[in-house]
Amino acid sequence: MIEITKLKQEFHERGYSFDIFEDVPGQRWMGFIHSVDEIVVPLEGNVTINVNGVEYKTSVGDEVFIPAHTVHDVITSNEAGSRWAYGYKNM
């Protein structure tokens, strides 16, 4: 189990914002592009993250780095919902 307070502190120490998102089974966030770097850490469920065409099948606690101006998708499996932390690089 991931300690949220500690994870939030780590994000902030590295210069990232911190928030948590919850998705229903089968949710697909497709084709996103941000002007700053982003990190995503799955907290619950099965999340697949595609970064510029490369697929990452994540486990809870894995960190995926998404560079600024990079097309990416976040996909929750059909079996169960997901919960994931994310943060954007502070400019």
PDB file of N, CA and C in Angstrom:
ATOM      1  N   MET A   1       0.844  -1.188   0.000  1.00  0.00           N
ATOM      2  CA  MET A   1       0.000   0.000   0.000  1.00  0.00           C
ATOM      3  C   MET A   1       0.885   1.246   0.000  1.00  0.00           C
ATOM      4  N   ILE A   2       0.491   2.204  -0.776  1.00  0.00           N
ATOM      5  CA  ILE A   2       1.254   3.436  -0.912  1.00  0.00           C
ATOM      6  C   ILE A   2       0.769   4.458   0.112  1.00  0.00           C
ATOM      7  N   GLU A   3       1.712   5.076   0.796  1.00  0.00           N
ATOM      8  CA  GLU A   3       1.383   6.126   1.761  1.00  0.00           C
ATOM      9  C   GLU A   3       1.225   7.444   0.998  1.00  0.00           C
ATOM     10  N   ILE A   4       0.007   7.932   0.908  1.00  0.00           N
ATOM     11  CA  ILE A   4      -0.313   9.106   0.092  1.00  0.00           C
ATOM     12  C   ILE A   4       0.440  10.348   0.566  1.00  0.00           C
ATOM     13  N   THR A   5       0.502  10.568   1.870  1.00  0.00           N
ATOM     14  CA  THR A   5       1.193  11.756   2.394  1.00  0.00           C
ATOM     15  C   THR A   5       2.654  11.767   1.967  1.00  0.00           C
ATOM     16  N   LYS A   6       3.300  10.620   2.049  1.00  0.00           N
ATOM     17  CA  LYS A   6       4.708  10.514   1.653  1.00  0.00           C
ATOM     18  C   LYS A   6       4.862  10.734   0.147  1.00  0.00           C
ATOM     19  N   LEU A   7       3.972  10.145  -0.648  1.00  0.00           N
ATOM     20  CA  LEU A   7       4.040  10.299  -2.098  1.00  0.00           C
ATOM     21  C   LEU A   7       3.853  11.766  -2.488  1.00  0.00           C
ATOM     22  N   LYS A   8       2.903  12.425  -1.858  1.00  0.00           N
ATOM     23  CA  LYS A   8       2.666  13.846  -2.131  1.00  0.00           C
ATOM     24  C   LYS A   8       3.908  14.671  -1.815  1.00  0.00           C
ATOM     25  N   GLN A   9       4.538  14.390  -0.699  1.00  0.00           N
ATOM     26  CA  GLN A   9       5.760  15.099  -0.315  1.00  0.00           C
ATOM     27  C   GLN A   9       6.861  14.876  -1.351  1.00  0.00           C
ATOM     28  N   GLU A  10       7.004  13.637  -1.826  1.00  0.00           N
ATOM     29  CA  GLU A  10       8.018  13.324  -2.840  1.00  0.00           C
ATOM     30  C   GLU A  10       7.752  14.085  -4.141  1.00  0.00           C
ATOM     31  N   PHE A  11       6.503  14.142  -4.560  1.00  0.00           N
ATOM     32  CA  PHE A  11       6.153  14.909  -5.761  1.00  0.00           C
ATOM     33  C   PHE A  11       6.580  16.368  -5.583  1.00  0.00           C
ATOM     34  N   HIS A  12       6.190  16.958  -4.446  1.00  0.00           N
ATOM     35  CA  HIS A  12       6.478  18.374  -4.207  1.00  0.00           C
ATOM     36  C   HIS A  12       7.980  18.638  -4.119  1.00  0.00           C
ATOM     37  N   GLU A  13       8.725  17.735  -3.482  1.00  0.00           N
ATOM     38  CA  GLU A  13      10.179  17.894  -3.381  1.00  0.00           C
ATOM     39  C   GLU A  13      10.840  17.876  -4.755  1.00  0.00           C
ATOM     40  N   ARG A  14      10.232  17.183  -5.690  1.00  0.00           N
ATOM     41  CA  ARG A  14      10.765  17.097  -7.059  1.00  0.00           C
ATOM     42  C   ARG A  14      10.213  18.199  -7.964  1.00  0.00           C
ATOM     43  N   GLY A  15       9.385  19.065  -7.412  1.00  0.00           N
ATOM     44  CA  GLY A  15       8.876  20.200  -8.176  1.00  0.00           C
ATOM     45  C   GLY A  15       7.615  19.922  -8.969  1.00  0.00           C
ATOM     46  N   TYR A  16       6.810  18.948  -8.523  1.00  0.00           N
ATOM     47  CA  TYR A  16       5.566  18.593  -9.209  1.00  0.00           C
ATOM     48  C   TYR A  16       4.357  18.912  -8.333  1.00  0.00           C
ATOM     49  N   SER A  17       3.264  19.252  -8.980  1.00  0.00           N
ATOM     50  CA  SER A  17       1.994  19.353  -8.267  1.00  0.00           C
ATOM     51  C   SER A  17       1.577  17.932  -7.878  1.00  0.00           C
ATOM     52  N   PHE A  18       0.475  17.799  -7.156  1.00  0.00           N
ATOM     53  CA  PHE A  18       0.012  16.471  -6.760  1.00  0.00           C
ATOM     54  C   PHE A  18      -1.504  16.464  -6.720  1.00  0.00           C
ATOM     55  N   ASP A  19      -2.081  15.446  -7.342  1.00  0.00           N
ATOM     56  CA  ASP A  19      -3.522  15.252  -7.270  1.00  0.00           C
ATOM     57  C   ASP A  19      -3.806  13.774  -7.489  1.00  0.00           C
ATOM     58  N   ILE A  20      -5.007  13.355  -7.166  1.00  0.00           N
ATOM     59  CA  ILE A  20      -5.418  11.958  -7.341  1.00  0.00           C
ATOM     60  C   ILE A  20      -6.667  11.935  -8.209  1.00  0.00           C
ATOM     61  N   PHE A  21      -6.678  10.991  -9.146  1.00  0.00           N
ATOM     62  CA  PHE A  21      -7.816  10.832 -10.049  1.00  0.00           C
ATOM     63  C   PHE A  21      -8.382   9.433  -9.866  1.00  0.00           C
ATOM     64  N   GLU A  22      -9.700   9.300  -9.932  1.00  0.00           N
ATOM     65  CA  GLU A  22     -10.360   7.997  -9.862  1.00  0.00           C
ATOM     66  C   GLU A  22     -11.150   7.770 -11.140  1.00  0.00           C
ATOM     67  N   ASP A  23     -10.963   6.592 -11.726  1.00  0.00           N
ATOM     68  CA  ASP A  23     -11.650   6.251 -12.972  1.00  0.00           C
ATOM     69  C   ASP A  23     -12.529   5.018 -12.799  1.00  0.00           C
ATOM     70  N   VAL A  24     -13.596   4.979 -13.573  1.00  0.00           N
ATOM     71  CA  VAL A  24     -14.480   3.817 -13.623  1.00  0.00           C
ATOM     72  C   VAL A  24     -13.848   2.756 -14.525  1.00  0.00           C
ATOM     73  N   PRO A  25     -14.288   1.499 -14.413  1.00  0.00           N
ATOM     74  CA  PRO A  25     -13.763   0.469 -15.305  1.00  0.00           C
ATOM     75  C   PRO A  25     -13.925   0.873 -16.772  1.00  0.00           C
ATOM     76  N   GLY A  26     -12.883   0.651 -17.550  1.00  0.00           N
ATOM     77  CA  GLY A  26     -12.926   0.919 -18.980  1.00  0.00           C
ATOM     78  C   GLY A  26     -12.693   2.366 -19.386  1.00  0.00           C
ATOM     79  N   GLN A  27     -12.442   3.245 -18.416  1.00  0.00           N
ATOM     80  CA  GLN A  27     -12.208   4.661 -18.751  1.00  0.00           C
ATOM     81  C   GLN A  27     -10.959   4.797 -19.621  1.00  0.00           C
ATOM     82  N   ARG A  28     -11.056   5.622 -20.648  1.00  0.00           N
ATOM     83  CA  ARG A  28      -9.940   5.831 -21.578  1.00  0.00           C
ATOM     84  C   ARG A  28      -9.742   7.334 -21.782  1.00  0.00           C
ATOM     85  N   TRP A  29      -8.614   7.848 -21.337  1.00  0.00           N
ATOM     86  CA  TRP A  29      -8.222   9.236 -21.590  1.00  0.00           C
ATOM     87  C   TRP A  29      -7.229   9.184 -22.737  1.00  0.00           C
ATOM     88  N   MET A  30      -7.613   9.675 -23.889  1.00  0.00           N
ATOM     89  CA  MET A  30      -6.824   9.464 -25.101  1.00  0.00           C
ATOM     90  C   MET A  30      -6.315  10.778 -25.699  1.00  0.00           C
ATOM     91  N   GLY A  31      -5.076  10.727 -26.179  1.00  0.00           N
ATOM     92  CA  GLY A  31      -4.522  11.811 -26.977  1.00  0.00           C
ATOM     93  C   GLY A  31      -4.224  13.100 -26.236  1.00  0.00           C
ATOM     94  N   PHE A  32      -3.882  12.997 -24.968  1.00  0.00           N
ATOM     95  CA  PHE A  32      -3.574  14.208 -24.214  1.00  0.00           C
ATOM     96  C   PHE A  32      -2.157  14.686 -24.487  1.00  0.00           C
ATOM     97  N   ILE A  33      -1.985  16.003 -24.473  1.00  0.00           N
ATOM     98  CA  ILE A  33      -0.673  16.638 -24.606  1.00  0.00           C
ATOM     99  C   ILE A  33      -0.660  17.812 -23.627  1.00  0.00           C
ATOM    100  N   HIS A  34       0.400  17.906 -22.826  1.00  0.00           N
ATOM    101  CA  HIS A  34       0.534  19.018 -21.887  1.00  0.00           C
ATOM    102  C   HIS A  34       1.818  19.786 -22.189  1.00  0.00           C
ATOM    103  N   SER A  35       1.858  21.035 -21.797  1.00  0.00           N
ATOM    104  CA  SER A  35       3.025  21.886 -22.066  1.00  0.00           C
ATOM    105  C   SER A  35       4.135  21.712 -21.038  1.00  0.00           C
ATOM    106  N   VAL A  36       3.902  20.883 -20.020  1.00  0.00           N
ATOM    107  CA  VAL A  36       4.911  20.614 -18.988  1.00  0.00           C
ATOM    108  C   VAL A  36       5.030  19.109 -18.771  1.00  0.00           C
ATOM    109  N   ASP A  37       6.143  18.680 -18.154  1.00  0.00           N
ATOM    110  CA  ASP A  37       6.333  17.271 -17.813  1.00  0.00           C
ATOM    111  C   ASP A  37       5.257  16.833 -16.818  1.00  0.00           C
ATOM    112  N   GLU A  38       4.916  15.537 -16.878  1.00  0.00           N
ATOM    113  CA  GLU A  38       3.923  14.960 -15.974  1.00  0.00           C
ATOM    114  C   GLU A  38       4.442  13.621 -15.475  1.00  0.00           C
ATOM    115  N   ILE A  39       4.085  13.271 -14.239  1.00  0.00           N
ATOM    116  CA  ILE A  39       4.341  11.927 -13.735  1.00  0.00           C
ATOM    117  C   ILE A  39       3.014  11.337 -13.264  1.00  0.00           C
ATOM    118  N   VAL A  40       2.880  10.016 -13.444  1.00  0.00           N
ATOM    119  CA  VAL A  40       1.672   9.295 -13.045  1.00  0.00           C
ATOM    120  C   VAL A  40       2.099   8.078 -12.235  1.00  0.00           C
ATOM    121  N   VAL A  41       1.424   7.844 -11.108  1.00  0.00           N
ATOM    122  CA  VAL A  41       1.694   6.686 -10.258  1.00  0.00           C
ATOM    123  C   VAL A  41       0.365   6.005  -9.939  1.00  0.00           C
ATOM    124  N   PRO A  42       0.130   4.789 -10.467  1.00  0.00           N
ATOM    125  CA  PRO A  42      -1.092   4.062 -10.136  1.00  0.00           C
ATOM    126  C   PRO A  42      -1.138   3.700  -8.645  1.00  0.00           C
ATOM    127  N   LEU A  43      -2.304   3.905  -8.040  1.00  0.00           N
ATOM    128  CA  LEU A  43      -2.498   3.599  -6.625  1.00  0.00           C
ATOM    129  C   LEU A  43      -3.380   2.367  -6.428  1.00  0.00           C
ATOM    130  N   GLU A  44      -4.318   2.149  -7.330  1.00  0.00           N
ATOM    131  CA  GLU A  44      -5.229   0.995  -7.287  1.00  0.00           C
ATOM    132  C   GLU A  44      -5.642   0.644  -8.705  1.00  0.00           C
ATOM    133  N   GLY A  45      -5.892  -0.638  -8.947  1.00  0.00           N
ATOM    134  CA  GLY A  45      -6.400  -1.073 -10.244  1.00  0.00           C
ATOM    135  C   GLY A  45      -5.313  -1.271 -11.282  1.00  0.00           C
ATOM    136  N   ASN A  46      -5.757  -1.622 -12.482  1.00  0.00           N
ATOM    137  CA  ASN A  46      -4.845  -1.860 -13.606  1.00  0.00           C
ATOM    138  C   ASN A  46      -4.926  -0.698 -14.579  1.00  0.00           C
ATOM    139  N   VAL A  47      -3.799  -0.019 -14.744  1.00  0.00           N
ATOM    140  CA  VAL A  47      -3.732   1.157 -15.602  1.00  0.00           C
ATOM    141  C   VAL A  47      -2.660   0.932 -16.659  1.00  0.00           C
ATOM    142  N   THR A  48      -3.017   1.163 -17.911  1.00  0.00           N
ATOM    143  CA  THR A  48      -2.056   1.132 -19.010  1.00  0.00           C
ATOM    144  C   THR A  48      -1.848   2.568 -19.462  1.00  0.00           C
ATOM    145  N   ILE A  49      -0.582   2.946 -19.605  1.00  0.00           N
ATOM    146  CA  ILE A  49      -0.259   4.303 -20.036  1.00  0.00           C
ATOM    147  C   ILE A  49       0.546   4.208 -21.320  1.00  0.00           C
ATOM    148  N   ASN A  50       0.055   4.859 -22.352  1.00  0.00           N
ATOM    149  CA  ASN A  50       0.764   4.922 -23.630  1.00  0.00           C
ATOM    150  C   ASN A  50       1.424   6.289 -23.727  1.00  0.00           C
ATOM    151  N   VAL A  51       2.740   6.281 -23.956  1.00  0.00           N
ATOM    152  CA  VAL A  51       3.492   7.528 -24.084  1.00  0.00           C
ATOM    153  C   VAL A  51       4.164   7.529 -25.447  1.00  0.00           C
ATOM    154  N   ASN A  52       3.661   8.387 -26.319  1.00  0.00           N
ATOM    155  CA  ASN A  52       4.235   8.516 -27.664  1.00  0.00           C
ATOM    156  C   ASN A  52       4.320   7.165 -28.372  1.00  0.00           C
ATOM    157  N   GLY A  53       3.262   6.343 -28.207  1.00  0.00           N
ATOM    158  CA  GLY A  53       3.197   5.054 -28.882  1.00  0.00           C
ATOM    159  C   GLY A  53       3.817   3.888 -28.138  1.00  0.00           C
ATOM    160  N   VAL A  54       4.443   4.138 -26.981  1.00  0.00           N
ATOM    161  CA  VAL A  54       5.033   3.064 -26.173  1.00  0.00           C
ATOM    162  C   VAL A  54       4.063   2.739 -25.038  1.00  0.00           C
ATOM    163  N   GLU A  55       3.695   1.447 -24.925  1.00  0.00           N
ATOM    164  CA  GLU A  55       2.709   1.018 -23.938  1.00  0.00           C
ATOM    165  C   GLU A  55       3.385   0.559 -22.649  1.00  0.00           C
ATOM    166  N   TYR A  56       2.913   1.095 -21.521  1.00  0.00           N
ATOM    167  CA  TYR A  56       3.392   0.696 -20.196  1.00  0.00           C
ATOM    168  C   TYR A  56       2.227   0.087 -19.436  1.00  0.00           C
ATOM    169  N   LYS A  57       2.288  -1.228 -19.185  1.00  0.00           N
ATOM    170  CA  LYS A  57       1.284  -1.894 -18.354  1.00  0.00           C
ATOM    171  C   LYS A  57       1.805  -1.786 -16.926  1.00  0.00           C
ATOM    172  N   THR A  58       1.184  -0.942 -16.143  1.00  0.00           N
ATOM    173  CA  THR A  58       1.731  -0.596 -14.839  1.00  0.00           C
ATOM    174  C   THR A  58       1.217  -1.491 -13.720  1.00  0.00           C
ATOM    175  N   SER A  59       1.960  -1.477 -12.637  1.00  0.00           N
ATOM    176  CA  SER A  59       1.546  -2.068 -11.370  1.00  0.00           C
ATOM    177  C   SER A  59       1.413  -0.932 -10.368  1.00  0.00           C
ATOM    178  N   VAL A  60       0.705  -1.180  -9.293  1.00  0.00           N
ATOM    179  CA  VAL A  60       0.565  -0.168  -8.249  1.00  0.00           C
ATOM    180  C   VAL A  60       1.954   0.264  -7.786  1.00  0.00           C
ATOM    181  N   GLY A  61       2.173   1.574  -7.751  1.00  0.00           N
ATOM    182  CA  GLY A  61       3.450   2.124  -7.298  1.00  0.00           C
ATOM    183  C   GLY A  61       4.442   2.431  -8.396  1.00  0.00           C
ATOM    184  N   ASP A  62       4.211   1.917  -9.604  1.00  0.00           N
ATOM    185  CA  ASP A  62       5.103   2.250 -10.727  1.00  0.00           C
ATOM    186  C   ASP A  62       4.965   3.734 -11.043  1.00  0.00           C
ATOM    187  N   GLU A  63       6.073   4.341 -11.450  1.00  0.00           N
ATOM    188  CA  GLU A  63       6.006   5.739 -11.887  1.00  0.00           C
ATOM    189  C   GLU A  63       6.254   5.806 -13.384  1.00  0.00           C
ATOM    190  N   VAL A  64       5.402   6.527 -14.084  1.00  0.00           N
ATOM    191  CA  VAL A  64       5.576   6.738 -15.520  1.00  0.00           C
ATOM    192  C   VAL A  64       5.807   8.230 -15.745  1.00  0.00           C
ATOM    193  N   PHE A  65       6.905   8.549 -16.415  1.00  0.00           N
ATOM    194  CA  PHE A  65       7.257   9.928 -16.743  1.00  0.00           C
ATOM    195  C   PHE A  65       6.741  10.242 -18.143  1.00  0.00           C
ATOM    196  N   ILE A  66       6.052  11.353 -18.269  1.00  0.00           N
ATOM    197  CA  ILE A  66       5.506  11.788 -19.555  1.00  0.00           C
ATOM    198  C   ILE A  66       6.113  13.157 -19.866  1.00  0.00           C
ATOM    199  N   PRO A  67       7.037  13.215 -20.827  1.00  0.00           N
ATOM    200  CA  PRO A  67       7.666  14.500 -21.156  1.00  0.00           C
ATOM    201  C   PRO A  67       6.659  15.507 -21.709  1.00  0.00           C
ATOM    202  N   ALA A  68       6.958  16.769 -21.516  1.00  0.00           N
ATOM    203  CA  ALA A  68       6.127  17.840 -22.066  1.00  0.00           C
ATOM    204  C   ALA A  68       5.965  17.653 -23.571  1.00  0.00           C
ATOM    205  N   HIS A  69       4.806  18.039 -24.094  1.00  0.00           N
ATOM    206  CA  HIS A  69       4.506  18.022 -25.536  1.00  0.00           C
ATOM    207  C   HIS A  69       4.501  16.609 -26.125  1.00  0.00           C
ATOM    208  N   THR A  70       4.214  15.599 -25.289  1.00  0.00           N
ATOM    209  CA  THR A  70       4.190  14.210 -25.739  1.00  0.00           C
ATOM    210  C   THR A  70       2.760  13.676 -25.684  1.00  0.00           C
ATOM    211  N   VAL A  71       2.309  13.071 -26.767  1.00  0.00           N
ATOM    212  CA  VAL A  71       0.967  12.474 -26.798  1.00  0.00           C
ATOM    213  C   VAL A  71       0.935  11.285 -25.841  1.00  0.00           C
ATOM    214  N   HIS A  72      -0.116  11.219 -25.017  1.00  0.00           N
ATOM    215  CA  HIS A  72      -0.232  10.098 -24.087  1.00  0.00           C
ATOM    216  C   HIS A  72      -1.693   9.766 -23.802  1.00  0.00           C
ATOM    217  N   ASP A  73      -1.897   8.499 -23.405  1.00  0.00           N
ATOM    218  CA  ASP A  73      -3.210   7.973 -23.049  1.00  0.00           C
ATOM    219  C   ASP A  73      -3.104   7.323 -21.676  1.00  0.00           C
ATOM    220  N   VAL A  74      -4.183   7.363 -20.910  1.00  0.00           N
ATOM    221  CA  VAL A  74      -4.279   6.636 -19.645  1.00  0.00           C
ATOM    222  C   VAL A  74      -5.548   5.797 -19.729  1.00  0.00           C
ATOM    223  N   ILE A  75      -5.371   4.471 -19.624  1.00  0.00           N
ATOM    224  CA  ILE A  75      -6.480   3.543 -19.857  1.00  0.00           C
ATOM    225  C   ILE A  75      -6.651   2.627 -18.644  1.00  0.00           C
ATOM    226  N   THR A  76      -7.852   2.619 -18.080  1.00  0.00           N
ATOM    227  CA  THR A  76      -8.177   1.736 -16.969  1.00  0.00           C
ATOM    228  C   THR A  76      -8.782   0.456 -17.533  1.00  0.00           C
ATOM    229  N   SER A  77      -8.399  -0.686 -16.958  1.00  0.00           N
ATOM    230  CA  SER A  77      -8.917  -1.967 -17.451  1.00  0.00           C
ATOM    231  C   SER A  77     -10.433  -2.029 -17.301  1.00  0.00           C
ATOM    232  N   ASN A  78     -11.038  -2.937 -18.039  1.00  0.00           N
ATOM    233  CA  ASN A  78     -12.491  -3.121 -17.991  1.00  0.00           C
ATOM    234  C   ASN A  78     -12.954  -3.843 -16.729  1.00  0.00           C
ATOM    235  N   GLU A  79     -12.035  -4.540 -16.048  1.00  0.00           N
ATOM    236  CA  GLU A  79     -12.401  -5.373 -14.902  1.00  0.00           C
ATOM    237  C   GLU A  79     -12.720  -4.572 -13.642  1.00  0.00           C
ATOM    238  N   ALA A  80     -11.999  -3.488 -13.426  1.00  0.00           N
ATOM    239  CA  ALA A  80     -12.185  -2.711 -12.191  1.00  0.00           C
ATOM    240  C   ALA A  80     -11.754  -1.277 -12.433  1.00  0.00           C
ATOM    241  N   GLY A  81     -12.216  -0.392 -11.575  1.00  0.00           N
ATOM    242  CA  GLY A  81     -11.808   1.001 -11.670  1.00  0.00           C
ATOM    243  C   GLY A  81     -10.355   1.171 -11.246  1.00  0.00           C
ATOM    244  N   SER A  82      -9.881   2.395 -11.316  1.00  0.00           N
ATOM    245  CA  SER A  82      -8.505   2.679 -10.915  1.00  0.00           C
ATOM    246  C   SER A  82      -8.445   3.995 -10.158  1.00  0.00           C
ATOM    247  N   ARG A  83      -7.362   4.154  -9.482  1.00  0.00           N
ATOM    248  CA  ARG A  83      -7.057   5.381  -8.752  1.00  0.00           C
ATOM    249  C   ARG A  83      -5.587   5.646  -8.997  1.00  0.00           C
ATOM    250  N   TRP A  84      -5.248   6.866  -9.412  1.00  0.00           N
ATOM    251  CA  TRP A  84      -3.850   7.158  -9.717  1.00  0.00           C
ATOM    252  C   TRP A  84      -3.496   8.590  -9.355  1.00  0.00           C
ATOM    253  N   ALA A  85      -2.257   8.733  -8.892  1.00  0.00           N
ATOM    254  CA  ALA A  85      -1.727  10.056  -8.561  1.00  0.00           C
ATOM    255  C   ALA A  85      -1.044  10.608  -9.793  1.00  0.00           C
ATOM    256  N   TYR A  86      -1.112  11.924  -9.934  1.00  0.00           N
ATOM    257  CA  TYR A  86      -0.419  12.561 -11.051  1.00  0.00           C
ATOM    258  C   TYR A  86       0.036  13.948 -10.628  1.00  0.00           C
ATOM    259  N   GLY A  87       1.040  14.434 -11.316  1.00  0.00           N
ATOM    260  CA  GLY A  87       1.519  15.778 -11.031  1.00  0.00           C
ATOM    261  C   GLY A  87       2.159  16.383 -12.256  1.00  0.00           C
ATOM    262  N   TYR A  88       2.069  17.697 -12.337  1.00  0.00           N
ATOM    263  CA  TYR A  88       2.677  18.456 -13.431  1.00  0.00           C
ATOM    264  C   TYR A  88       3.871  19.228 -12.886  1.00  0.00           C
ATOM    265  N   LYS A  89       4.923  19.293 -13.675  1.00  0.00           N
ATOM    266  CA  LYS A  89       6.125  20.022 -13.282  1.00  0.00           C
ATOM    267  C   LYS A  89       5.779  21.493 -13.095  1.00  0.00           C
ATOM    268  N   ASN A  90       6.161  22.025 -11.942  1.00  0.00           N
ATOM    269  CA  ASN A  90       5.936  23.448 -11.668  1.00  0.00           C
ATOM    270  C   ASN A  90       6.934  24.269 -12.458  1.00  0.00           C
ATOM    271  N   MET A  91       6.437  25.325 -13.088  1.00  0.00           N
ATOM    272  CA  MET A  91       7.321  26.173 -13.891  1.00  0.00           C
ATOM    273  C   MET A  91       7.690  27.423 -13.125  1.00  0.00           C
TER     274      MET A  91
END
